[in-house]
Structures are given as C-alpha cells and as structure tokens.
Amino acid sequence: MSQLRPMIVGLTGGIGSGKTTVCNMFAERGVEIIDADQIGRALVAPGSIALQQLIALLGQDLLTPDGALQRQRLRHLIFTDVHARHQAEAILHPLIRAAIIRRINDSSSSWLILAAPLLIESKTYALVDRILVVDTDETLQIQRTCERDHSSEDEVHRIMQIQLPRNERLTHATDIIHNNGDLANLQQQVAEHFERYEKLAHARQNNSPAS
C-alpha cells in the first residue's frame, strides 16, 4: 500500500468560539494539530526576516524595547486599518501556508487537524478534506473574548465584522461542534467527532491504491 497524505480536518470558528479548547481536547486524544496561529507567531520571532519586513512596512512602534513584536498593537492595527491588514497578510500568509504544507508532508498520521481562524477565507481551504466549525452564540463569543483578552465589546464587534459572518461560515461546514454548553458537553462532541474521523481515515488508508 502507498502511504496517502493524512486526511486533513480543517478546524475554524469565529473569535471566542473555543477553537483552542477543542484543539486541546483532540490533542489529548493523540491527534496531531497544525495550528496556523502558532506557526504565525514563530515566524515573527525576534530577529526573523518576516518580523523585519513587518516593521519596515508598518513601523518601529510595533516592537518592544527588546525587539519582540507587540502582538496586541499589531492586532489592533490589523483590525482597524484595512491597508495595514493587507500588507501584513501579504507577508505572512504565504510563509504560513508553506510551513503548513511542510508539516503535512512530514506527517505520518492517518489524519490531523489544521486549525486556522481564516481557513475558509484563505487559500488554506483547498488543503482540507473536511471543515469542522466550532460554533458559538455571538453573545457568548463577545463575553468570552472580552474576558480572555480584556477587550471592549466595541473591539470585539470590529473583529467579528471583519471575519466571515457566522451563518456563512456554517454553510461551509462538513461538521459542527456547538460550544454553547459546559465542558462535559464539549468533550462528548469531541469524542464523537474523534471516533468518526478515526473511521474515515482508516477507510481512506485502506482504499489507497497499491504502489
């Protein structure tokens, strides 16, 4: 049997929907997670070429005194300045995509999760076999994000307006996890999806053509 590339489950959701919590629950079951946000953070480490390019375009005030990126300031700039957002995306998105592809090619898993907030909006969409949307009521999204990031409701609203509308995101979903309840309910849904993906990946590997 030839080894297929892993079955890729793209995981996405709006801000404050609980994507990280769901990813951690899958990871606890041994699932390989490729996190686009983590890759992006690594790419702009102090001294990196990507960080130098960002600073050249967007200004030295995005750096801390020790040369690290002020992520909250960059985030505010990106969500309030469309031109700055496009400049940052033009630098980072190709690098993130290339790193994701390398991780997929190096993987020995039968399936994995690719977590990306802009999965549907970006070219990352074409890489995945299924789309798992973590969905949450908008009032909960706002509440959780304000508590997590110490943001104002207005700031969260601005971010949500830039992201894909909730209803439109759901139309792209192959699978949905509803994160409006407690952690026990969330764990149960993750367990059910885990079992489904295990079976799908096993069948996919067994149907691969002989080399």
N, C-alpha and C. Protein backbone atom coordinates (compact mmCIF):
# COMPACT_ATOMS: atom_id res chain seq x y z
N MET A 1 0.84 -1.19 0.00
CA MET A 1 0.00 0.00 0.00
C MET A 1 0.89 1.26 0.00
N SER A 2 0.53 2.24 -0.80
CA SER A 2 1.22 3.51 -0.76
C SER A 2 0.63 4.34 0.38
N GLN A 3 1.47 5.13 1.03
CA GLN A 3 1.01 5.95 2.14
C GLN A 3 0.42 7.24 1.61
N LEU A 4 -0.88 7.41 1.84
CA LEU A 4 -1.51 8.67 1.45
C LEU A 4 -1.08 9.78 2.41
N ARG A 5 -1.21 11.01 1.95
CA ARG A 5 -1.06 12.10 2.90
C ARG A 5 -2.20 11.99 3.91
N PRO A 6 -2.05 12.59 5.08
CA PRO A 6 -3.10 12.48 6.08
C PRO A 6 -4.43 13.06 5.59
N MET A 7 -5.53 12.52 6.09
CA MET A 7 -6.81 13.19 5.94
C MET A 7 -6.75 14.46 6.78
N ILE A 8 -7.11 15.59 6.18
CA ILE A 8 -6.95 16.87 6.87
C ILE A 8 -8.33 17.41 7.25
N VAL A 9 -8.51 17.59 8.55
CA VAL A 9 -9.72 18.21 9.07
C VAL A 9 -9.39 19.67 9.38
N GLY A 10 -9.96 20.58 8.62
CA GLY A 10 -9.75 21.99 8.87
C GLY A 10 -10.68 22.46 9.97
N LEU A 11 -10.11 23.00 11.03
CA LEU A 11 -10.91 23.46 12.16
C LEU A 11 -10.89 24.98 12.19
N THR A 12 -12.07 25.56 12.27
CA THR A 12 -12.17 27.01 12.29
C THR A 12 -13.38 27.44 13.12
N GLY A 13 -13.53 28.74 13.25
CA GLY A 13 -14.64 29.29 14.03
C GLY A 13 -14.37 30.76 14.28
N GLY A 14 -15.38 31.47 14.69
CA GLY A 14 -15.22 32.89 14.98
C GLY A 14 -14.41 33.12 16.24
N ILE A 15 -14.02 34.37 16.46
CA ILE A 15 -13.27 34.71 17.65
C ILE A 15 -14.09 34.35 18.90
N GLY A 16 -13.42 33.77 19.90
CA GLY A 16 -14.09 33.41 21.14
C GLY A 16 -14.99 32.20 21.06
N SER A 17 -14.90 31.44 19.96
CA SER A 17 -15.79 30.28 19.81
C SER A 17 -15.30 29.05 20.57
N GLY A 18 -14.03 29.04 20.95
CA GLY A 18 -13.50 27.90 21.68
C GLY A 18 -12.62 26.99 20.85
N LYS A 19 -12.04 27.50 19.78
CA LYS A 19 -11.21 26.69 18.89
C LYS A 19 -10.03 26.06 19.64
N THR A 20 -9.36 26.87 20.46
CA THR A 20 -8.19 26.36 21.18
C THR A 20 -8.57 25.26 22.14
N THR A 21 -9.67 25.44 22.85
CA THR A 21 -10.13 24.41 23.79
C THR A 21 -10.44 23.11 23.06
N VAL A 22 -11.11 23.20 21.93
CA VAL A 22 -11.44 22.00 21.15
C VAL A 22 -10.16 21.34 20.64
N CYS A 23 -9.22 22.13 20.14
CA CYS A 23 -7.95 21.57 19.66
C CYS A 23 -7.22 20.84 20.79
N ASN A 24 -7.23 21.43 21.98
CA ASN A 24 -6.57 20.79 23.11
C ASN A 24 -7.23 19.46 23.46
N MET A 25 -8.54 19.40 23.33
CA MET A 25 -9.24 18.15 23.62
C MET A 25 -8.89 17.07 22.59
N PHE A 26 -8.77 17.46 21.34
CA PHE A 26 -8.34 16.49 20.33
C PHE A 26 -6.89 16.07 20.58
N ALA A 27 -6.05 17.03 20.93
CA ALA A 27 -4.64 16.72 21.18
C ALA A 27 -4.48 15.73 22.33
N GLU A 28 -5.34 15.85 23.35
CA GLU A 28 -5.30 14.91 24.47
C GLU A 28 -5.60 13.49 24.03
N ARG A 29 -6.27 13.33 22.90
CA ARG A 29 -6.56 12.01 22.34
C ARG A 29 -5.49 11.57 21.35
N GLY A 30 -4.42 12.32 21.26
CA GLY A 30 -3.30 11.93 20.41
C GLY A 30 -3.36 12.45 18.99
N VAL A 31 -4.30 13.36 18.72
CA VAL A 31 -4.43 13.90 17.37
C VAL A 31 -3.35 14.94 17.11
N GLU A 32 -2.72 14.86 15.94
CA GLU A 32 -1.74 15.86 15.54
C GLU A 32 -2.47 17.15 15.16
N ILE A 33 -1.99 18.26 15.71
CA ILE A 33 -2.60 19.56 15.45
C ILE A 33 -1.58 20.45 14.74
N ILE A 34 -1.96 21.00 13.61
CA ILE A 34 -1.17 22.04 12.97
C ILE A 34 -1.94 23.35 13.17
N ASP A 35 -1.35 24.24 13.93
CA ASP A 35 -2.03 25.48 14.32
C ASP A 35 -1.44 26.65 13.54
N ALA A 36 -2.22 27.24 12.65
CA ALA A 36 -1.73 28.34 11.82
C ALA A 36 -1.30 29.53 12.66
N ASP A 37 -2.01 29.79 13.76
CA ASP A 37 -1.64 30.92 14.62
C ASP A 37 -0.28 30.69 15.27
N GLN A 38 -0.03 29.46 15.74
CA GLN A 38 1.27 29.15 16.35
C GLN A 38 2.39 29.28 15.33
N ILE A 39 2.14 28.83 14.11
CA ILE A 39 3.14 28.97 13.05
C ILE A 39 3.41 30.46 12.79
N GLY A 40 2.34 31.25 12.73
CA GLY A 40 2.49 32.68 12.51
C GLY A 40 3.31 33.35 13.60
N ARG A 41 3.08 32.95 14.85
CA ARG A 41 3.84 33.53 15.96
C ARG A 41 5.32 33.18 15.86
N ALA A 42 5.61 31.94 15.48
CA ALA A 42 7.01 31.52 15.34
C ALA A 42 7.71 32.28 14.21
N LEU A 43 6.97 32.58 13.17
CA LEU A 43 7.56 33.26 12.01
C LEU A 43 7.99 34.69 12.32
N VAL A 44 7.37 35.31 13.33
CA VAL A 44 7.71 36.69 13.66
C VAL A 44 8.48 36.75 14.98
N ALA A 45 9.27 35.73 15.24
CA ALA A 45 10.14 35.74 16.42
C ALA A 45 11.16 36.88 16.28
N PRO A 46 11.69 37.38 17.40
CA PRO A 46 12.68 38.45 17.31
C PRO A 46 13.83 38.11 16.36
N GLY A 47 14.15 39.05 15.48
CA GLY A 47 15.24 38.85 14.55
C GLY A 47 14.86 38.15 13.26
N SER A 48 13.64 37.68 13.16
CA SER A 48 13.23 36.94 11.95
C SER A 48 13.07 37.88 10.77
N ILE A 49 13.21 37.32 9.57
CA ILE A 49 13.05 38.11 8.35
C ILE A 49 11.63 38.64 8.24
N ALA A 50 10.65 37.79 8.58
CA ALA A 50 9.25 38.21 8.49
C ALA A 50 8.98 39.40 9.40
N LEU A 51 9.54 39.38 10.61
CA LEU A 51 9.34 40.50 11.54
C LEU A 51 9.99 41.76 10.98
N GLN A 52 11.17 41.63 10.42
CA GLN A 52 11.84 42.79 9.84
C GLN A 52 11.01 43.40 8.71
N GLN A 53 10.40 42.54 7.90
CA GLN A 53 9.56 43.02 6.81
C GLN A 53 8.32 43.74 7.34
N LEU A 54 7.71 43.17 8.39
CA LEU A 54 6.54 43.83 9.00
C LEU A 54 6.89 45.20 9.53
N ILE A 55 8.00 45.28 10.24
CA ILE A 55 8.40 46.54 10.85
C ILE A 55 8.73 47.58 9.78
N ALA A 56 9.37 47.13 8.69
CA ALA A 56 9.71 48.05 7.61
C ALA A 56 8.46 48.67 7.00
N LEU A 57 7.39 47.90 6.94
CA LEU A 57 6.15 48.39 6.34
C LEU A 57 5.26 49.13 7.33
N LEU A 58 5.19 48.63 8.56
CA LEU A 58 4.18 49.12 9.50
C LEU A 58 4.72 49.97 10.63
N GLY A 59 6.04 50.02 10.79
CA GLY A 59 6.60 50.95 11.76
C GLY A 59 7.28 50.32 12.96
N GLN A 60 8.30 51.02 13.47
CA GLN A 60 9.10 50.54 14.60
C GLN A 60 8.31 50.49 15.90
N ASP A 61 7.19 51.21 15.98
CA ASP A 61 6.44 51.24 17.23
C ASP A 61 5.74 49.92 17.53
N LEU A 62 5.83 48.96 16.58
CA LEU A 62 5.28 47.63 16.84
C LEU A 62 6.25 46.74 17.62
N LEU A 63 7.46 47.25 17.86
CA LEU A 63 8.47 46.47 18.59
C LEU A 63 8.52 46.86 20.06
N THR A 64 8.78 45.88 20.92
CA THR A 64 9.09 46.15 22.32
C THR A 64 10.54 46.59 22.41
N PRO A 65 10.97 47.13 23.56
CA PRO A 65 12.38 47.55 23.69
C PRO A 65 13.38 46.43 23.45
N ASP A 66 12.99 45.18 23.70
CA ASP A 66 13.92 44.07 23.48
C ASP A 66 13.76 43.43 22.09
N GLY A 67 13.02 44.09 21.20
CA GLY A 67 12.98 43.63 19.81
C GLY A 67 11.90 42.61 19.49
N ALA A 68 10.97 42.39 20.40
CA ALA A 68 9.87 41.45 20.15
C ALA A 68 8.67 42.20 19.58
N LEU A 69 7.82 41.46 18.90
CA LEU A 69 6.62 42.06 18.32
C LEU A 69 5.58 42.31 19.40
N GLN A 70 5.01 43.50 19.41
CA GLN A 70 3.89 43.80 20.30
C GLN A 70 2.61 43.30 19.63
N ARG A 71 2.22 42.10 19.98
CA ARG A 71 1.15 41.42 19.25
C ARG A 71 -0.19 42.13 19.41
N GLN A 72 -0.46 42.64 20.58
CA GLN A 72 -1.74 43.33 20.79
C GLN A 72 -1.81 44.60 19.93
N ARG A 73 -0.69 45.29 19.81
CA ARG A 73 -0.68 46.51 18.98
C ARG A 73 -0.85 46.15 17.51
N LEU A 74 -0.18 45.07 17.07
CA LEU A 74 -0.34 44.64 15.68
C LEU A 74 -1.78 44.21 15.43
N ARG A 75 -2.35 43.47 16.36
CA ARG A 75 -3.72 43.03 16.21
C ARG A 75 -4.67 44.22 16.10
N HIS A 76 -4.47 45.23 16.94
CA HIS A 76 -5.33 46.41 16.87
C HIS A 76 -5.17 47.10 15.52
N LEU A 77 -3.93 47.21 15.04
CA LEU A 77 -3.69 47.85 13.75
C LEU A 77 -4.36 47.09 12.62
N ILE A 78 -4.23 45.77 12.65
CA ILE A 78 -4.79 44.95 11.59
C ILE A 78 -6.31 45.06 11.53
N PHE A 79 -6.94 45.15 12.69
CA PHE A 79 -8.40 45.18 12.73
C PHE A 79 -8.98 46.59 12.61
N THR A 80 -8.12 47.60 12.53
CA THR A 80 -8.63 48.96 12.37
C THR A 80 -8.15 49.63 11.08
N ASP A 81 -7.16 49.01 10.41
CA ASP A 81 -6.57 49.61 9.22
C ASP A 81 -6.53 48.55 8.11
N VAL A 82 -7.42 48.67 7.14
CA VAL A 82 -7.53 47.67 6.08
C VAL A 82 -6.23 47.56 5.29
N HIS A 83 -5.60 48.68 4.99
CA HIS A 83 -4.35 48.66 4.21
C HIS A 83 -3.26 47.93 4.98
N ALA A 84 -3.14 48.22 6.27
CA ALA A 84 -2.14 47.54 7.10
C ALA A 84 -2.41 46.05 7.16
N ARG A 85 -3.69 45.68 7.25
CA ARG A 85 -4.03 44.26 7.28
C ARG A 85 -3.59 43.56 6.01
N HIS A 86 -3.85 44.18 4.88
CA HIS A 86 -3.45 43.57 3.60
C HIS A 86 -1.93 43.47 3.48
N GLN A 87 -1.21 44.46 3.97
CA GLN A 87 0.25 44.41 3.94
C GLN A 87 0.77 43.25 4.80
N ALA A 88 0.21 43.13 6.00
CA ALA A 88 0.65 42.05 6.90
C ALA A 88 0.32 40.68 6.31
N GLU A 89 -0.87 40.55 5.74
CA GLU A 89 -1.27 39.27 5.14
C GLU A 89 -0.37 38.91 3.96
N ALA A 90 0.01 39.91 3.16
CA ALA A 90 0.87 39.64 2.00
C ALA A 90 2.23 39.10 2.43
N ILE A 91 2.69 39.50 3.60
CA ILE A 91 3.97 38.99 4.11
C ILE A 91 3.80 37.61 4.75
N LEU A 92 2.80 37.49 5.62
CA LEU A 92 2.71 36.31 6.48
C LEU A 92 1.99 35.12 5.86
N HIS A 93 0.91 35.35 5.11
CA HIS A 93 0.12 34.22 4.63
C HIS A 93 0.89 33.24 3.75
N PRO A 94 1.70 33.70 2.79
CA PRO A 94 2.47 32.72 2.00
C PRO A 94 3.45 31.91 2.85
N LEU A 95 4.06 32.55 3.84
CA LEU A 95 5.01 31.85 4.71
C LEU A 95 4.29 30.83 5.59
N ILE A 96 3.13 31.21 6.11
CA ILE A 96 2.35 30.29 6.95
C ILE A 96 1.89 29.10 6.12
N ARG A 97 1.40 29.36 4.91
CA ARG A 97 0.92 28.28 4.04
C ARG A 97 2.06 27.31 3.71
N ALA A 98 3.24 27.85 3.39
CA ALA A 98 4.37 26.99 3.06
C ALA A 98 4.76 26.11 4.26
N ALA A 99 4.73 26.70 5.47
CA ALA A 99 5.06 25.93 6.67
C ALA A 99 4.02 24.84 6.93
N ILE A 100 2.75 25.16 6.69
CA ILE A 100 1.68 24.17 6.86
C ILE A 100 1.89 23.00 5.90
N ILE A 101 2.19 23.28 4.66
CA ILE A 101 2.39 22.23 3.67
C ILE A 101 3.58 21.34 4.06
N ARG A 102 4.64 21.96 4.56
CA ARG A 102 5.79 21.16 5.01
C ARG A 102 5.38 20.22 6.15
N ARG A 103 4.61 20.74 7.10
CA ARG A 103 4.17 19.92 8.23
C ARG A 103 3.31 18.76 7.75
N ILE A 104 2.43 19.02 6.80
CA ILE A 104 1.56 17.95 6.28
C ILE A 104 2.40 16.90 5.57
N ASN A 105 3.34 17.34 4.76
CA ASN A 105 4.18 16.40 4.01
C ASN A 105 5.06 15.55 4.92
N ASP A 106 5.43 16.11 6.07
CA ASP A 106 6.29 15.38 7.02
C ASP A 106 5.50 14.50 7.97
N SER A 107 4.18 14.61 7.96
CA SER A 107 3.35 13.90 8.93
C SER A 107 3.24 12.42 8.58
N SER A 108 3.22 11.59 9.62
CA SER A 108 2.98 10.16 9.45
C SER A 108 1.60 9.77 10.00
N SER A 109 0.78 10.76 10.35
CA SER A 109 -0.55 10.49 10.90
C SER A 109 -1.51 10.08 9.80
N SER A 110 -2.52 9.29 10.16
CA SER A 110 -3.56 8.96 9.19
C SER A 110 -4.51 10.13 9.00
N TRP A 111 -4.64 10.98 10.03
CA TRP A 111 -5.42 12.21 9.91
C TRP A 111 -4.91 13.21 10.93
N LEU A 112 -5.15 14.47 10.64
CA LEU A 112 -4.71 15.53 11.53
C LEU A 112 -5.68 16.70 11.44
N ILE A 113 -5.51 17.63 12.36
CA ILE A 113 -6.33 18.84 12.37
C ILE A 113 -5.47 20.03 11.97
N LEU A 114 -5.96 20.79 11.01
CA LEU A 114 -5.35 22.06 10.64
C LEU A 114 -6.25 23.17 11.18
N ALA A 115 -5.79 23.84 12.23
CA ALA A 115 -6.59 24.88 12.88
C ALA A 115 -6.19 26.24 12.31
N ALA A 116 -7.17 26.96 11.76
CA ALA A 116 -6.89 28.26 11.16
C ALA A 116 -8.13 29.15 11.26
N PRO A 117 -8.03 30.29 11.94
CA PRO A 117 -9.19 31.18 12.04
C PRO A 117 -9.72 31.62 10.68
N LEU A 118 -8.83 31.82 9.71
CA LEU A 118 -9.24 32.27 8.38
C LEU A 118 -9.20 31.12 7.37
N LEU A 119 -9.48 29.94 7.84
CA LEU A 119 -9.42 28.75 6.99
C LEU A 119 -10.27 28.92 5.73
N ILE A 120 -11.50 29.36 5.89
CA ILE A 120 -12.43 29.45 4.77
C ILE A 120 -12.09 30.66 3.90
N GLU A 121 -11.69 31.76 4.55
CA GLU A 121 -11.41 32.97 3.80
C GLU A 121 -10.12 32.90 2.99
N SER A 122 -9.20 32.00 3.38
CA SER A 122 -7.89 31.96 2.74
C SER A 122 -7.74 30.74 1.85
N LYS A 123 -6.57 30.65 1.20
CA LYS A 123 -6.30 29.53 0.30
C LYS A 123 -6.10 28.22 1.06
N THR A 124 -5.99 28.31 2.38
CA THR A 124 -5.84 27.10 3.19
C THR A 124 -7.02 26.16 2.99
N TYR A 125 -8.18 26.74 2.64
CA TYR A 125 -9.40 25.98 2.41
C TYR A 125 -9.18 24.81 1.46
N ALA A 126 -8.38 25.01 0.41
CA ALA A 126 -8.18 23.99 -0.61
C ALA A 126 -7.39 22.79 -0.11
N LEU A 127 -6.71 22.94 1.01
CA LEU A 127 -5.88 21.85 1.52
C LEU A 127 -6.69 20.78 2.27
N VAL A 128 -7.88 21.14 2.75
CA VAL A 128 -8.55 20.27 3.70
C VAL A 128 -9.56 19.34 3.03
N ASP A 129 -9.80 18.21 3.72
CA ASP A 129 -10.78 17.24 3.24
C ASP A 129 -12.15 17.45 3.89
N ARG A 130 -12.15 18.00 5.11
CA ARG A 130 -13.38 18.28 5.83
C ARG A 130 -13.19 19.59 6.57
N ILE A 131 -14.29 20.28 6.83
CA ILE A 131 -14.25 21.52 7.60
C ILE A 131 -15.08 21.35 8.86
N LEU A 132 -14.42 21.47 10.00
CA LEU A 132 -15.08 21.39 11.30
C LEU A 132 -15.18 22.80 11.87
N VAL A 133 -16.40 23.29 12.00
CA VAL A 133 -16.64 24.63 12.54
C VAL A 133 -17.03 24.51 14.01
N VAL A 134 -16.29 25.23 14.85
CA VAL A 134 -16.68 25.37 16.25
C VAL A 134 -17.59 26.60 16.32
N ASP A 135 -18.85 26.36 16.65
CA ASP A 135 -19.86 27.42 16.58
C ASP A 135 -20.35 27.79 17.97
N THR A 136 -20.50 29.09 18.18
CA THR A 136 -20.94 29.62 19.47
C THR A 136 -21.88 30.80 19.23
N ASP A 137 -22.86 30.95 20.08
CA ASP A 137 -23.73 32.13 20.01
C ASP A 137 -22.88 33.40 20.09
N GLU A 138 -23.28 34.40 19.35
CA GLU A 138 -22.47 35.62 19.26
C GLU A 138 -22.34 36.32 20.61
N THR A 139 -23.37 36.25 21.43
CA THR A 139 -23.27 36.88 22.75
C THR A 139 -22.18 36.21 23.59
N LEU A 140 -22.06 34.89 23.47
CA LEU A 140 -21.00 34.17 24.18
C LEU A 140 -19.63 34.48 23.60
N GLN A 141 -19.54 34.60 22.26
CA GLN A 141 -18.27 34.98 21.65
C GLN A 141 -17.76 36.28 22.24
N ILE A 142 -18.64 37.26 22.33
CA ILE A 142 -18.24 38.57 22.83
C ILE A 142 -17.83 38.48 24.30
N GLN A 143 -18.64 37.79 25.09
CA GLN A 143 -18.35 37.66 26.52
C GLN A 143 -17.00 36.97 26.75
N ARG A 144 -16.78 35.85 26.06
CA ARG A 144 -15.54 35.09 26.26
C ARG A 144 -14.31 35.87 25.80
N THR A 145 -14.44 36.56 24.67
CA THR A 145 -13.29 37.31 24.16
C THR A 145 -12.95 38.49 25.05
N CYS A 146 -13.97 39.18 25.54
CA CYS A 146 -13.72 40.30 26.46
C CYS A 146 -13.02 39.81 27.72
N GLU A 147 -13.44 38.68 28.26
CA GLU A 147 -12.84 38.14 29.48
C GLU A 147 -11.42 37.66 29.21
N ARG A 148 -11.21 37.03 28.04
CA ARG A 148 -9.90 36.45 27.72
C ARG A 148 -8.86 37.52 27.40
N ASP A 149 -9.25 38.47 26.56
CA ASP A 149 -8.30 39.46 26.03
C ASP A 149 -8.38 40.82 26.70
N HIS A 150 -9.31 40.96 27.66
CA HIS A 150 -9.54 42.26 28.30
C HIS A 150 -9.86 43.33 27.25
N SER A 151 -10.63 42.91 26.25
CA SER A 151 -11.03 43.82 25.17
C SER A 151 -12.38 44.43 25.50
N SER A 152 -12.68 45.53 24.83
CA SER A 152 -14.00 46.13 24.96
C SER A 152 -14.95 45.44 23.99
N GLU A 153 -16.25 45.57 24.23
CA GLU A 153 -17.22 44.99 23.31
C GLU A 153 -17.10 45.59 21.92
N ASP A 154 -16.79 46.88 21.85
CA ASP A 154 -16.64 47.52 20.54
C ASP A 154 -15.49 46.90 19.76
N GLU A 155 -14.38 46.62 20.44
CA GLU A 155 -13.24 46.00 19.77
C GLU A 155 -13.60 44.62 19.23
N VAL A 156 -14.31 43.85 20.04
CA VAL A 156 -14.69 42.51 19.61
C VAL A 156 -15.66 42.58 18.43
N HIS A 157 -16.58 43.51 18.48
CA HIS A 157 -17.52 43.69 17.37
C HIS A 157 -16.78 44.00 16.07
N ARG A 158 -15.74 44.85 16.15
CA ARG A 158 -14.97 45.20 14.95
C ARG A 158 -14.28 43.96 14.36
N ILE A 159 -13.74 43.12 15.24
CA ILE A 159 -13.10 41.90 14.77
C ILE A 159 -14.12 40.97 14.11
N MET A 160 -15.27 40.82 14.74
CA MET A 160 -16.31 39.94 14.20
C MET A 160 -16.81 40.42 12.85
N GLN A 161 -16.83 41.74 12.65
CA GLN A 161 -17.28 42.29 11.38
C GLN A 161 -16.30 41.97 10.25
N ILE A 162 -15.02 41.85 10.58
CA ILE A 162 -14.01 41.52 9.57
C ILE A 162 -14.06 40.03 9.24
N GLN A 163 -14.35 39.20 10.23
CA GLN A 163 -14.41 37.76 10.00
C GLN A 163 -15.67 37.40 9.20
N LEU A 164 -15.63 36.19 8.65
CA LEU A 164 -16.78 35.69 7.90
C LEU A 164 -18.01 35.66 8.81
N PRO A 165 -19.17 36.10 8.34
CA PRO A 165 -20.38 36.03 9.17
C PRO A 165 -20.66 34.60 9.62
N ARG A 166 -21.20 34.49 10.81
CA ARG A 166 -21.44 33.17 11.40
C ARG A 166 -22.25 32.26 10.48
N ASN A 167 -23.36 32.75 9.95
CA ASN A 167 -24.21 31.91 9.11
C ASN A 167 -23.50 31.45 7.84
N GLU A 168 -22.69 32.35 7.28
CA GLU A 168 -21.95 31.98 6.07
C GLU A 168 -20.89 30.93 6.38
N ARG A 169 -20.23 31.08 7.53
CA ARG A 169 -19.23 30.09 7.94
C ARG A 169 -19.86 28.71 8.06
N LEU A 170 -21.04 28.66 8.63
CA LEU A 170 -21.71 27.37 8.84
C LEU A 170 -22.09 26.70 7.52
N THR A 171 -22.33 27.49 6.47
CA THR A 171 -22.68 26.87 5.19
C THR A 171 -21.51 26.08 4.60
N HIS A 172 -20.29 26.39 5.03
CA HIS A 172 -19.11 25.68 4.52
C HIS A 172 -18.78 24.43 5.35
N ALA A 173 -19.45 24.26 6.47
CA ALA A 173 -19.07 23.21 7.42
C ALA A 173 -19.44 21.82 6.92
N THR A 174 -18.50 20.90 7.04
CA THR A 174 -18.79 19.48 6.91
C THR A 174 -19.31 18.94 8.23
N ASP A 175 -18.72 19.45 9.31
CA ASP A 175 -19.07 19.03 10.67
C ASP A 175 -19.14 20.28 11.55
N ILE A 176 -19.94 20.20 12.61
CA ILE A 176 -20.10 21.34 13.52
C ILE A 176 -20.01 20.85 14.96
N ILE A 177 -19.26 21.58 15.77
CA ILE A 177 -19.28 21.41 17.22
C ILE A 177 -19.95 22.64 17.81
N HIS A 178 -21.01 22.44 18.57
CA HIS A 178 -21.75 23.54 19.18
C HIS A 178 -21.20 23.80 20.58
N ASN A 179 -20.58 24.94 20.76
CA ASN A 179 -19.94 25.25 22.03
C ASN A 179 -20.74 26.29 22.80
N ASN A 180 -21.95 25.90 23.18
CA ASN A 180 -22.80 26.78 23.98
C ASN A 180 -23.06 26.21 25.37
N GLY A 181 -22.55 25.00 25.62
CA GLY A 181 -22.81 24.35 26.89
C GLY A 181 -21.58 24.30 27.77
N ASP A 182 -21.53 23.24 28.61
CA ASP A 182 -20.40 23.12 29.53
C ASP A 182 -19.29 22.27 28.91
N LEU A 183 -18.19 22.11 29.65
CA LEU A 183 -17.04 21.38 29.13
C LEU A 183 -17.35 19.89 28.92
N ALA A 184 -18.23 19.33 29.76
CA ALA A 184 -18.59 17.92 29.60
C ALA A 184 -19.29 17.70 28.26
N ASN A 185 -20.17 18.62 27.91
CA ASN A 185 -20.87 18.52 26.62
C ASN A 185 -19.88 18.68 25.47
N LEU A 186 -18.94 19.59 25.62
CA LEU A 186 -17.93 19.80 24.58
C LEU A 186 -17.05 18.56 24.42
N GLN A 187 -16.66 17.96 25.54
CA GLN A 187 -15.85 16.74 25.49
C GLN A 187 -16.59 15.63 24.76
N GLN A 188 -17.88 15.51 25.01
CA GLN A 188 -18.67 14.46 24.37
C GLN A 188 -18.70 14.66 22.86
N GLN A 189 -18.89 15.88 22.42
CA GLN A 189 -18.90 16.15 20.98
C GLN A 189 -17.54 15.86 20.35
N VAL A 190 -16.47 16.25 21.04
CA VAL A 190 -15.13 15.97 20.53
C VAL A 190 -14.91 14.46 20.41
N ALA A 191 -15.36 13.71 21.42
CA ALA A 191 -15.21 12.25 21.38
C ALA A 191 -15.95 11.65 20.19
N GLU A 192 -17.14 12.14 19.91
CA GLU A 192 -17.92 11.63 18.79
C GLU A 192 -17.25 11.94 17.45
N HIS A 193 -16.74 13.15 17.32
CA HIS A 193 -16.05 13.51 16.08
C HIS A 193 -14.74 12.74 15.94
N PHE A 194 -14.04 12.54 17.05
CA PHE A 194 -12.80 11.76 17.01
C PHE A 194 -13.06 10.36 16.47
N GLU A 195 -14.08 9.70 16.97
CA GLU A 195 -14.39 8.35 16.50
C GLU A 195 -14.75 8.35 15.02
N ARG A 196 -15.50 9.35 14.59
CA ARG A 196 -15.88 9.45 13.18
C ARG A 196 -14.66 9.63 12.29
N TYR A 197 -13.75 10.51 12.70
CA TYR A 197 -12.56 10.77 11.89
C TYR A 197 -11.62 9.58 11.87
N GLU A 198 -11.55 8.87 12.97
CA GLU A 198 -10.73 7.65 13.01
C GLU A 198 -11.22 6.64 11.97
N LYS A 199 -12.52 6.46 11.92
CA LYS A 199 -13.10 5.50 10.96
C LYS A 199 -12.90 5.97 9.53
N LEU A 200 -13.12 7.26 9.28
CA LEU A 200 -12.96 7.79 7.93
C LEU A 200 -11.52 7.68 7.46
N ALA A 201 -10.58 8.00 8.35
CA ALA A 201 -9.17 7.94 7.97
C ALA A 201 -8.73 6.50 7.74
N HIS A 202 -9.22 5.57 8.56
CA HIS A 202 -8.88 4.16 8.39
C HIS A 202 -9.40 3.64 7.04
N ALA A 203 -10.63 3.98 6.72
CA ALA A 203 -11.20 3.55 5.44
C ALA A 203 -10.44 4.17 4.27
N ARG A 204 -10.05 5.42 4.43
CA ARG A 204 -9.33 6.11 3.37
C ARG A 204 -7.97 5.47 3.11
N GLN A 205 -7.26 5.14 4.17
CA GLN A 205 -5.97 4.49 4.02
C GLN A 205 -6.09 3.11 3.41
N ASN A 206 -7.11 2.37 3.79
CA ASN A 206 -7.29 1.01 3.29
C ASN A 206 -7.72 0.99 1.83
N ASN A 207 -8.33 2.08 1.38
CA ASN A 207 -8.74 2.16 -0.02
C ASN A 207 -7.66 2.76 -0.91
N SER A 208 -6.49 3.08 -0.34
CA SER A 208 -5.43 3.66 -1.16
C SER A 208 -4.90 2.63 -2.13
N PRO A 209 -4.54 3.05 -3.34
CA PRO A 209 -4.08 2.10 -4.34
C PRO A 209 -2.73 1.49 -3.99
N ALA A 210 -2.52 0.28 -4.42
CA ALA A 210 -1.24 -0.39 -4.17
C ALA A 210 -0.15 0.28 -4.98
N SER A 211 1.04 0.36 -4.39
CA SER A 211 2.14 1.02 -5.12
C SER A 211 2.84 0.01 -6.02
